[in-house]
Amino acid sequence: MSAAPAFLVPAAPPGRVVGRSAVTPRPSGRRAVEAGEAGMPMTREELTAYAAAQVAVADQLLARHRPGTHHCCACGQPMPCSHAETIARRRDHYAQFLDPR
């Protein structure tokens, strides 16, 4: 029997980070959003937790995008790295929802 392809990975348990986002269970009494629904608004605490997770992921990704040699980013893209610029904009967007420290 051959091994499963690398892209077929089991779902992570609640609270574990998978790929780019965190899998977080909703508080009891809240149902999942179904296709076509407008969605349920987040509470302030949920938004803050989500924003903090997005900022943490962005910080990890930006750590891989530093100036390299010969006017290239460490990821291989020419400078200025469009990937790093996009990640930085996304980080700034979510950072505004965090409480000032």
PDB file of N, CA and C in Angstrom:
ATOM      1  N   MET A   1       0.845  -1.178   0.000  1.00  0.00           N
ATOM      2  CA  MET A   1       0.000   0.000   0.000  1.00  0.00           C
ATOM      3  C   MET A   1       0.890   1.241   0.000  1.00  0.00           C
ATOM      4  N   SER A   2       0.575   2.203  -0.844  1.00  0.00           N
ATOM      5  CA  SER A   2       1.388   3.416  -0.925  1.00  0.00           C
ATOM      6  C   SER A   2       0.905   4.454   0.080  1.00  0.00           C
ATOM      7  N   ALA A   3       1.783   5.363   0.411  1.00  0.00           N
ATOM      8  CA  ALA A   3       1.451   6.432   1.357  1.00  0.00           C
ATOM      9  C   ALA A   3       0.532   7.447   0.689  1.00  0.00           C
ATOM     10  N   ALA A   4      -0.264   8.134   1.494  1.00  0.00           N
ATOM     11  CA  ALA A   4      -1.164   9.166   0.977  1.00  0.00           C
ATOM     12  C   ALA A   4      -0.343  10.342   0.467  1.00  0.00           C
ATOM     13  N   PRO A   5      -0.820  11.022  -0.572  1.00  0.00           N
ATOM     14  CA  PRO A   5      -0.102  12.200  -1.065  1.00  0.00           C
ATOM     15  C   PRO A   5       0.058  13.244   0.037  1.00  0.00           C
ATOM     16  N   ALA A   6       1.113  14.040  -0.068  1.00  0.00           N
ATOM     17  CA  ALA A   6       1.429  15.036   0.962  1.00  0.00           C
ATOM     18  C   ALA A   6       0.317  16.061   1.133  1.00  0.00           C
ATOM     19  N   PHE A   7      -0.435  16.340   0.057  1.00  0.00           N
ATOM     20  CA  PHE A   7      -1.475  17.360   0.173  1.00  0.00           C
ATOM     21  C   PHE A   7      -2.728  16.849   0.862  1.00  0.00           C
ATOM     22  N   LEU A   8      -2.829  15.540   1.091  1.00  0.00           N
ATOM     23  CA  LEU A   8      -3.961  14.975   1.811  1.00  0.00           C
ATOM     24  C   LEU A   8      -3.575  14.811   3.270  1.00  0.00           C
ATOM     25  N   VAL A   9      -3.851  15.816   4.055  1.00  0.00           N
ATOM     26  CA  VAL A   9      -3.527  15.762   5.476  1.00  0.00           C
ATOM     27  C   VAL A   9      -4.826  15.800   6.267  1.00  0.00           C
ATOM     28  N   PRO A  10      -4.895  15.115   7.396  1.00  0.00           N
ATOM     29  CA  PRO A  10      -6.123  15.126   8.177  1.00  0.00           C
ATOM     30  C   PRO A  10      -6.382  16.507   8.775  1.00  0.00           C
ATOM     31  N   ALA A  11      -7.640  16.786   9.045  1.00  0.00           N
ATOM     32  CA  ALA A  11      -8.013  18.060   9.656  1.00  0.00           C
ATOM     33  C   ALA A  11      -7.421  18.141  11.055  1.00  0.00           C
ATOM     34  N   ALA A  12      -7.036  19.334  11.444  1.00  0.00           N
ATOM     35  CA  ALA A  12      -6.451  19.545  12.767  1.00  0.00           C
ATOM     36  C   ALA A  12      -7.551  19.641  13.814  1.00  0.00           C
ATOM     37  N   PRO A  13      -7.262  19.239  15.031  1.00  0.00           N
ATOM     38  CA  PRO A  13      -8.235  19.403  16.100  1.00  0.00           C
ATOM     39  C   PRO A  13      -8.432  20.887  16.407  1.00  0.00           C
ATOM     40  N   PRO A  14      -9.544  21.246  17.060  1.00  0.00           N
ATOM     41  CA  PRO A  14      -9.802  22.651  17.376  1.00  0.00           C
ATOM     42  C   PRO A  14      -8.638  23.295  18.127  1.00  0.00           C
ATOM     43  N   GLY A  15      -8.345  24.538  17.772  1.00  0.00           N
ATOM     44  CA  GLY A  15      -7.299  25.296  18.435  1.00  0.00           C
ATOM     45  C   GLY A  15      -5.919  25.123  17.837  1.00  0.00           C
ATOM     46  N   ARG A  16      -5.762  24.201  16.876  1.00  0.00           N
ATOM     47  CA  ARG A  16      -4.471  23.968  16.234  1.00  0.00           C
ATOM     48  C   ARG A  16      -4.372  24.807  14.976  1.00  0.00           C
ATOM     49  N   VAL A  17      -3.183  25.264  14.659  1.00  0.00           N
ATOM     50  CA  VAL A  17      -2.969  26.062  13.458  1.00  0.00           C
ATOM     51  C   VAL A  17      -2.796  25.128  12.265  1.00  0.00           C
ATOM     52  N   VAL A  18      -3.549  25.402  11.212  1.00  0.00           N
ATOM     53  CA  VAL A  18      -3.475  24.619   9.983  1.00  0.00           C
ATOM     54  C   VAL A  18      -3.215  25.585   8.847  1.00  0.00           C
ATOM     55  N   GLY A  19      -2.096  25.435   8.185  1.00  0.00           N
ATOM     56  CA  GLY A  19      -1.802  26.310   7.050  1.00  0.00           C
ATOM     57  C   GLY A  19      -1.748  27.758   7.468  1.00  0.00           C
ATOM     58  N   ARG A  20      -2.665  28.544   6.949  1.00  0.00           N
ATOM     59  CA  ARG A  20      -2.636  29.984   7.187  1.00  0.00           C
ATOM     60  C   ARG A  20      -3.577  30.456   8.280  1.00  0.00           C
ATOM     61  N   SER A  21      -4.451  29.607   8.780  1.00  0.00           N
ATOM     62  CA  SER A  21      -5.421  30.083   9.749  1.00  0.00           C
ATOM     63  C   SER A  21      -5.505  29.136  10.937  1.00  0.00           C
ATOM     64  N   ALA A  22      -6.057  29.631  12.010  1.00  0.00           N
ATOM     65  CA  ALA A  22      -6.253  28.820  13.204  1.00  0.00           C
ATOM     66  C   ALA A  22      -7.665  28.243  13.185  1.00  0.00           C
ATOM     67  N   VAL A  23      -7.796  26.978  13.532  1.00  0.00           N
ATOM     68  CA  VAL A  23      -9.096  26.338  13.624  1.00  0.00           C
ATOM     69  C   VAL A  23      -9.565  26.528  15.053  1.00  0.00           C
ATOM     70  N   THR A  24     -10.555  27.374  15.255  1.00  0.00           N
ATOM     71  CA  THR A  24     -11.014  27.705  16.589  1.00  0.00           C
ATOM     72  C   THR A  24     -12.498  27.387  16.714  1.00  0.00           C
ATOM     73  N   PRO A  25     -12.897  26.633  17.725  1.00  0.00           N
ATOM     74  CA  PRO A  25     -14.319  26.328  17.881  1.00  0.00           C
ATOM     75  C   PRO A  25     -15.106  27.577  18.269  1.00  0.00           C
ATOM     76  N   ARG A  26     -16.336  27.656  17.828  1.00  0.00           N
ATOM     77  CA  ARG A  26     -17.212  28.765  18.198  1.00  0.00           C
ATOM     78  C   ARG A  26     -17.788  28.487  19.582  1.00  0.00           C
ATOM     79  N   PRO A  27     -18.146  29.532  20.321  1.00  0.00           N
ATOM     80  CA  PRO A  27     -18.783  29.326  21.619  1.00  0.00           C
ATOM     81  C   PRO A  27     -20.073  28.517  21.447  1.00  0.00           C
ATOM     82  N   SER A  28     -20.434  27.762  22.465  1.00  0.00           N
ATOM     83  CA  SER A  28     -21.645  26.947  22.362  1.00  0.00           C
ATOM     84  C   SER A  28     -22.853  27.847  22.125  1.00  0.00           C
ATOM     85  N   GLY A  29     -23.817  27.313  21.402  1.00  0.00           N
ATOM     86  CA  GLY A  29     -25.010  28.094  21.090  1.00  0.00           C
ATOM     87  C   GLY A  29     -24.907  28.854  19.784  1.00  0.00           C
ATOM     88  N   ARG A  30     -23.735  28.950  19.187  1.00  0.00           N
ATOM     89  CA  ARG A  30     -23.559  29.641  17.911  1.00  0.00           C
ATOM     90  C   ARG A  30     -23.413  28.581  16.837  1.00  0.00           C
ATOM     91  N   ARG A  31     -24.187  28.691  15.786  1.00  0.00           N
ATOM     92  CA  ARG A  31     -24.094  27.701  14.725  1.00  0.00           C
ATOM     93  C   ARG A  31     -23.125  28.168  13.654  1.00  0.00           C
ATOM     94  N   ALA A  32     -22.604  27.231  12.917  1.00  0.00           N
ATOM     95  CA  ALA A  32     -21.678  27.554  11.832  1.00  0.00           C
ATOM     96  C   ALA A  32     -22.434  28.260  10.709  1.00  0.00           C
ATOM     97  N   VAL A  33     -21.755  29.114   9.994  1.00  0.00           N
ATOM     98  CA  VAL A  33     -22.352  29.824   8.868  1.00  0.00           C
ATOM     99  C   VAL A  33     -22.467  28.865   7.696  1.00  0.00           C
ATOM    100  N   GLU A  34     -23.643  28.788   7.121  1.00  0.00           N
ATOM    101  CA  GLU A  34     -23.851  27.926   5.966  1.00  0.00           C
ATOM    102  C   GLU A  34     -23.686  28.740   4.693  1.00  0.00           C
ATOM    103  N   ALA A  35     -23.486  28.051   3.585  1.00  0.00           N
ATOM    104  CA  ALA A  35     -23.284  28.717   2.297  1.00  0.00           C
ATOM    105  C   ALA A  35     -24.472  29.620   1.986  1.00  0.00           C
ATOM    106  N   GLY A  36     -24.185  30.831   1.578  1.00  0.00           N
ATOM    107  CA  GLY A  36     -25.229  31.767   1.186  1.00  0.00           C
ATOM    108  C   GLY A  36     -25.718  32.666   2.305  1.00  0.00           C
ATOM    109  N   GLU A  37     -25.353  32.388   3.549  1.00  0.00           N
ATOM    110  CA  GLU A  37     -25.771  33.246   4.649  1.00  0.00           C
ATOM    111  C   GLU A  37     -24.845  34.446   4.755  1.00  0.00           C
ATOM    112  N   ALA A  38     -25.354  35.503   5.346  1.00  0.00           N
ATOM    113  CA  ALA A  38     -24.551  36.710   5.523  1.00  0.00           C
ATOM    114  C   ALA A  38     -23.475  36.512   6.578  1.00  0.00           C
ATOM    115  N   GLY A  39     -23.667  35.567   7.464  1.00  0.00           N
ATOM    116  CA  GLY A  39     -22.681  35.329   8.510  1.00  0.00           C
ATOM    117  C   GLY A  39     -23.115  35.938   9.826  1.00  0.00           C
ATOM    118  N   MET A  40     -22.448  35.518  10.869  1.00  0.00           N
ATOM    119  CA  MET A  40     -22.762  36.027  12.195  1.00  0.00           C
ATOM    120  C   MET A  40     -21.651  36.976  12.612  1.00  0.00           C
ATOM    121  N   PRO A  41     -22.014  38.109  13.200  1.00  0.00           N
ATOM    122  CA  PRO A  41     -20.975  39.057  13.610  1.00  0.00           C
ATOM    123  C   PRO A  41     -20.119  38.485  14.739  1.00  0.00           C
ATOM    124  N   MET A  42     -18.868  38.902  14.751  1.00  0.00           N
ATOM    125  CA  MET A  42     -17.952  38.483  15.808  1.00  0.00           C
ATOM    126  C   MET A  42     -18.136  39.381  17.020  1.00  0.00           C
ATOM    127  N   THR A  43     -17.907  38.807  18.178  1.00  0.00           N
ATOM    128  CA  THR A  43     -17.862  39.636  19.373  1.00  0.00           C
ATOM    129  C   THR A  43     -16.512  40.356  19.380  1.00  0.00           C
ATOM    130  N   ARG A  44     -16.375  41.339  20.225  1.00  0.00           N
ATOM    131  CA  ARG A  44     -15.116  42.085  20.329  1.00  0.00           C
ATOM    132  C   ARG A  44     -13.967  41.144  20.709  1.00  0.00           C
ATOM    133  N   GLU A  45     -14.243  40.216  21.610  1.00  0.00           N
ATOM    134  CA  GLU A  45     -13.210  39.275  22.045  1.00  0.00           C
ATOM    135  C   GLU A  45     -12.796  38.349  20.902  1.00  0.00           C
ATOM    136  N   GLU A  46     -13.776  37.885  20.108  1.00  0.00           N
ATOM    137  CA  GLU A  46     -13.460  37.025  18.971  1.00  0.00           C
ATOM    138  C   GLU A  46     -12.640  37.773  17.931  1.00  0.00           C
ATOM    139  N   LEU A  47     -13.012  39.021  17.671  1.00  0.00           N
ATOM    140  CA  LEU A  47     -12.273  39.827  16.700  1.00  0.00           C
ATOM    141  C   LEU A  47     -10.843  40.061  17.168  1.00  0.00           C
ATOM    142  N   THR A  48     -10.675  40.367  18.447  1.00  0.00           N
ATOM    143  CA  THR A  48      -9.338  40.598  18.987  1.00  0.00           C
ATOM    144  C   THR A  48      -8.486  39.331  18.892  1.00  0.00           C
ATOM    145  N   ALA A  49      -9.072  38.180  19.224  1.00  0.00           N
ATOM    146  CA  ALA A  49      -8.329  36.915  19.137  1.00  0.00           C
ATOM    147  C   ALA A  49      -7.974  36.595  17.689  1.00  0.00           C
ATOM    148  N   TYR A  50      -8.909  36.809  16.775  1.00  0.00           N
ATOM    149  CA  TYR A  50      -8.656  36.541  15.356  1.00  0.00           C
ATOM    150  C   TYR A  50      -7.573  37.473  14.826  1.00  0.00           C
ATOM    151  N   ALA A  51      -7.662  38.754  15.179  1.00  0.00           N
ATOM    152  CA  ALA A  51      -6.667  39.726  14.726  1.00  0.00           C
ATOM    153  C   ALA A  51      -5.284  39.385  15.275  1.00  0.00           C
ATOM    154  N   ALA A  52      -5.213  38.982  16.534  1.00  0.00           N
ATOM    155  CA  ALA A  52      -3.920  38.608  17.123  1.00  0.00           C
ATOM    156  C   ALA A  52      -3.323  37.409  16.397  1.00  0.00           C
ATOM    157  N   ALA A  53      -4.163  36.439  16.041  1.00  0.00           N
ATOM    158  CA  ALA A  53      -3.674  35.269  15.302  1.00  0.00           C
ATOM    159  C   ALA A  53      -3.176  35.672  13.914  1.00  0.00           C
ATOM    160  N   GLN A  54      -3.891  36.573  13.242  1.00  0.00           N
ATOM    161  CA  GLN A  54      -3.482  37.021  11.914  1.00  0.00           C
ATOM    162  C   GLN A  54      -2.157  37.787  11.976  1.00  0.00           C
ATOM    163  N   VAL A  55      -1.989  38.615  12.999  1.00  0.00           N
ATOM    164  CA  VAL A  55      -0.738  39.364  13.164  1.00  0.00           C
ATOM    165  C   VAL A  55       0.415  38.400  13.438  1.00  0.00           C
ATOM    166  N   ALA A  56       0.179  37.387  14.264  1.00  0.00           N
ATOM    167  CA  ALA A  56       1.234  36.406  14.569  1.00  0.00           C
ATOM    168  C   ALA A  56       1.656  35.642  13.317  1.00  0.00           C
ATOM    169  N   VAL A  57       0.697  35.234  12.505  1.00  0.00           N
ATOM    170  CA  VAL A  57       1.016  34.524  11.263  1.00  0.00           C
ATOM    171  C   VAL A  57       1.774  35.448  10.315  1.00  0.00           C
ATOM    172  N   ALA A  58       1.332  36.698  10.215  1.00  0.00           N
ATOM    173  CA  ALA A  58       2.019  37.659   9.342  1.00  0.00           C
ATOM    174  C   ALA A  58       3.458  37.874   9.803  1.00  0.00           C
ATOM    175  N   ASP A  59       3.674  37.953  11.115  1.00  0.00           N
ATOM    176  CA  ASP A  59       5.036  38.120  11.632  1.00  0.00           C
ATOM    177  C   ASP A  59       5.920  36.930  11.257  1.00  0.00           C
ATOM    178  N   GLN A  60       5.356  35.715  11.332  1.00  0.00           N
ATOM    179  CA  GLN A  60       6.119  34.523  10.946  1.00  0.00           C
ATOM    180  C   GLN A  60       6.467  34.561   9.463  1.00  0.00           C
ATOM    181  N   LEU A  61       5.508  34.955   8.639  1.00  0.00           N
ATOM    182  CA  LEU A  61       5.757  35.019   7.197  1.00  0.00           C
ATOM    183  C   LEU A  61       6.758  36.113   6.848  1.00  0.00           C
ATOM    184  N   LEU A  62       6.649  37.263   7.514  1.00  0.00           N
ATOM    185  CA  LEU A  62       7.577  38.361   7.232  1.00  0.00           C
ATOM    186  C   LEU A  62       9.003  38.018   7.645  1.00  0.00           C
ATOM    187  N   ALA A  63       9.155  37.115   8.617  1.00  0.00           N
ATOM    188  CA  ALA A  63      10.501  36.701   9.027  1.00  0.00           C
ATOM    189  C   ALA A  63      11.229  35.992   7.893  1.00  0.00           C
ATOM    190  N   ARG A  64      10.480  35.419   6.962  1.00  0.00           N
ATOM    191  CA  ARG A  64      11.082  34.737   5.809  1.00  0.00           C
ATOM    192  C   ARG A  64      11.359  35.685   4.646  1.00  0.00           C
ATOM    193  N   HIS A  65      10.907  36.909   4.752  1.00  0.00           N
ATOM    194  CA  HIS A  65      11.067  37.882   3.671  1.00  0.00           C
ATOM    195  C   HIS A  65      11.976  39.018   4.136  1.00  0.00           C
ATOM    196  N   ARG A  66      13.256  38.750   4.125  1.00  0.00           N
ATOM    197  CA  ARG A  66      14.272  39.740   4.490  1.00  0.00           C
ATOM    198  C   ARG A  66      15.132  39.996   3.265  1.00  0.00           C
ATOM    199  N   PRO A  67      15.761  41.151   3.201  1.00  0.00           N
ATOM    200  CA  PRO A  67      16.654  41.397   2.062  1.00  0.00           C
ATOM    201  C   PRO A  67      17.737  40.327   1.983  1.00  0.00           C
ATOM    202  N   GLY A  68      17.879  39.757   0.800  1.00  0.00           N
ATOM    203  CA  GLY A  68      18.897  38.746   0.565  1.00  0.00           C
ATOM    204  C   GLY A  68      20.058  39.352  -0.200  1.00  0.00           C
ATOM    205  N   THR A  69      20.668  38.550  -1.033  1.00  0.00           N
ATOM    206  CA  THR A  69      21.807  39.021  -1.816  1.00  0.00           C
ATOM    207  C   THR A  69      21.369  39.471  -3.202  1.00  0.00           C
ATOM    208  N   HIS A  70      22.150  40.332  -3.790  1.00  0.00           N
ATOM    209  CA  HIS A  70      21.945  40.795  -5.165  1.00  0.00           C
ATOM    210  C   HIS A  70      20.559  41.391  -5.393  1.00  0.00           C
ATOM    211  N   HIS A  71      20.113  42.230  -4.495  1.00  0.00           N
ATOM    212  CA  HIS A  71      18.845  42.944  -4.631  1.00  0.00           C
ATOM    213  C   HIS A  71      17.649  42.006  -4.716  1.00  0.00           C
ATOM    214  N   CYS A  72      17.717  40.891  -4.030  1.00  0.00           N
ATOM    215  CA  CYS A  72      16.610  39.936  -3.985  1.00  0.00           C
ATOM    216  C   CYS A  72      16.176  39.730  -2.540  1.00  0.00           C
ATOM    217  N   CYS A  73      14.914  39.384  -2.382  1.00  0.00           N
ATOM    218  CA  CYS A  73      14.391  39.001  -1.078  1.00  0.00           C
ATOM    219  C   CYS A  73      14.910  37.601  -0.760  1.00  0.00           C
ATOM    220  N   ALA A  74      14.901  37.234   0.501  1.00  0.00           N
ATOM    221  CA  ALA A  74      15.328  35.889   0.891  1.00  0.00           C
ATOM    222  C   ALA A  74      14.456  34.808   0.259  1.00  0.00           C
ATOM    223  N   CYS A  75      13.227  35.166  -0.169  1.00  0.00           N
ATOM    224  CA  CYS A  75      12.342  34.195  -0.814  1.00  0.00           C
ATOM    225  C   CYS A  75      12.658  34.033  -2.297  1.00  0.00           C
ATOM    226  N   GLY A  76      13.535  34.882  -2.837  1.00  0.00           N
ATOM    227  CA  GLY A  76      13.921  34.781  -4.237  1.00  0.00           C
ATOM    228  C   GLY A  76      13.294  35.820  -5.144  1.00  0.00           C
ATOM    229  N   GLN A  77      12.319  36.565  -4.648  1.00  0.00           N
ATOM    230  CA  GLN A  77      11.671  37.606  -5.445  1.00  0.00           C
ATOM    231  C   GLN A  77      12.580  38.829  -5.519  1.00  0.00           C
ATOM    232  N   PRO A  78      12.503  39.586  -6.616  1.00  0.00           N
ATOM    233  CA  PRO A  78      13.278  40.826  -6.674  1.00  0.00           C
ATOM    234  C   PRO A  78      12.741  41.837  -5.663  1.00  0.00           C
ATOM    235  N   MET A  79      13.624  42.678  -5.159  1.00  0.00           N
ATOM    236  CA  MET A  79      13.219  43.710  -4.200  1.00  0.00           C
ATOM    237  C   MET A  79      12.653  44.895  -4.959  1.00  0.00           C
ATOM    238  N   PRO A  80      11.618  45.562  -4.495  1.00  0.00           N
ATOM    239  CA  PRO A  80      10.878  45.247  -3.275  1.00  0.00           C
ATOM    240  C   PRO A  80       9.995  44.024  -3.489  1.00  0.00           C
ATOM    241  N   CYS A  81       9.951  43.154  -2.512  1.00  0.00           N
ATOM    242  CA  CYS A  81       9.217  41.887  -2.596  1.00  0.00           C
ATOM    243  C   CYS A  81       7.712  42.154  -2.473  1.00  0.00           C
ATOM    244  N   SER A  82       6.976  41.827  -3.521  1.00  0.00           N
ATOM    245  CA  SER A  82       5.528  42.071  -3.507  1.00  0.00           C
ATOM    246  C   SER A  82       4.829  41.205  -2.460  1.00  0.00           C
ATOM    247  N   HIS A  83       5.373  40.024  -2.202  1.00  0.00           N
ATOM    248  CA  HIS A  83       4.783  39.156  -1.177  1.00  0.00           C
ATOM    249  C   HIS A  83       4.905  39.820   0.196  1.00  0.00           C
ATOM    250  N   ALA A  84       6.084  40.331   0.502  1.00  0.00           N
ATOM    251  CA  ALA A  84       6.304  40.979   1.797  1.00  0.00           C
ATOM    252  C   ALA A  84       5.431  42.222   1.939  1.00  0.00           C
ATOM    253  N   GLU A  85       5.269  42.982   0.867  1.00  0.00           N
ATOM    254  CA  GLU A  85       4.427  44.180   0.924  1.00  0.00           C
ATOM    255  C   GLU A  85       2.975  43.817   1.206  1.00  0.00           C
ATOM    256  N   THR A  86       2.477  42.771   0.565  1.00  0.00           N
ATOM    257  CA  THR A  86       1.101  42.330   0.781  1.00  0.00           C
ATOM    258  C   THR A  86       0.909  41.830   2.206  1.00  0.00           C
ATOM    259  N   ILE A  87       1.856  41.049   2.695  1.00  0.00           N
ATOM    260  CA  ILE A  87       1.767  40.523   4.061  1.00  0.00           C
ATOM    261  C   ILE A  87       1.819  41.672   5.067  1.00  0.00           C
ATOM    262  N   ALA A  88       2.668  42.657   4.830  1.00  0.00           N
ATOM    263  CA  ALA A  88       2.779  43.802   5.744  1.00  0.00           C
ATOM    264  C   ALA A  88       1.478  44.608   5.776  1.00  0.00           C
ATOM    265  N   ARG A  89       0.846  44.789   4.615  1.00  0.00           N
ATOM    266  CA  ARG A  89      -0.438  45.505   4.587  1.00  0.00           C
ATOM    267  C   ARG A  89      -1.502  44.731   5.362  1.00  0.00           C
ATOM    268  N   ARG A  90      -1.516  43.423   5.178  1.00  0.00           N
ATOM    269  CA  ARG A  90      -2.488  42.590   5.904  1.00  0.00           C
ATOM    270  C   ARG A  90      -2.225  42.652   7.409  1.00  0.00           C
ATOM    271  N   ARG A  91      -0.950  42.620   7.802  1.00  0.00           N
ATOM    272  CA  ARG A  91      -0.602  42.710   9.218  1.00  0.00           C
ATOM    273  C   ARG A  91      -1.068  44.040   9.805  1.00  0.00           C
ATOM    274  N   ASP A  92      -0.810  45.139   9.078  1.00  0.00           N
ATOM    275  CA  ASP A  92      -1.229  46.463   9.545  1.00  0.00           C
ATOM    276  C   ASP A  92      -2.746  46.551   9.695  1.00  0.00           C
ATOM    277  N   HIS A  93      -3.469  45.928   8.759  1.00  0.00           N
ATOM    278  CA  HIS A  93      -4.932  45.947   8.818  1.00  0.00           C
ATOM    279  C   HIS A  93      -5.423  45.294  10.110  1.00  0.00           C
ATOM    280  N   TYR A  94      -4.912  44.111  10.428  1.00  0.00           N
ATOM    281  CA  TYR A  94      -5.376  43.403  11.623  1.00  0.00           C
ATOM    282  C   TYR A  94      -4.807  43.990  12.906  1.00  0.00           C
ATOM    283  N   ALA A  95      -3.646  44.606  12.843  1.00  0.00           N
ATOM    284  CA  ALA A  95      -3.050  45.208  14.041  1.00  0.00           C
ATOM    285  C   ALA A  95      -3.909  46.346  14.585  1.00  0.00           C
ATOM    286  N   GLN A  96      -4.671  46.994  13.711  1.00  0.00           N
ATOM    287  CA  GLN A  96      -5.508  48.102  14.174  1.00  0.00           C
ATOM    288  C   GLN A  96      -6.644  47.636  15.093  1.00  0.00           C
ATOM    289  N   PHE A  97      -6.981  46.345  15.061  1.00  0.00           N
ATOM    290  CA  PHE A  97      -8.048  45.823  15.906  1.00  0.00           C
ATOM    291  C   PHE A  97      -7.555  45.363  17.267  1.00  0.00           C
ATOM    292  N   LEU A  98      -6.254  45.359  17.471  1.00  0.00           N
ATOM    293  CA  LEU A  98      -5.698  44.948  18.756  1.00  0.00           C
ATOM    294  C   LEU A  98      -5.702  46.122  19.715  1.00  0.00           C
ATOM    295  N   ASP A  99      -5.867  45.823  20.976  1.00  0.00           N
ATOM    296  CA  ASP A  99      -5.842  46.873  21.988  1.00  0.00           C
ATOM    297  C   ASP A  99      -4.442  47.458  22.064  1.00  0.00           C
ATOM    298  N   PRO A 100      -4.330  48.787  22.144  1.00  0.00           N
ATOM    299  CA  PRO A 100      -2.989  49.383  22.259  1.00  0.00           C
ATOM    300  C   PRO A 100      -2.337  48.950  23.562  1.00  0.00           C
ATOM    301  N   ARG A 101      -1.055  48.673  23.472  1.00  0.00           N
ATOM    302  CA  ARG A 101      -0.330  48.199  24.658  1.00  0.00           C
ATOM    303  C   ARG A 101       0.593  49.275  25.154  1.00  0.00           C
TER     304      ARG A 101
END
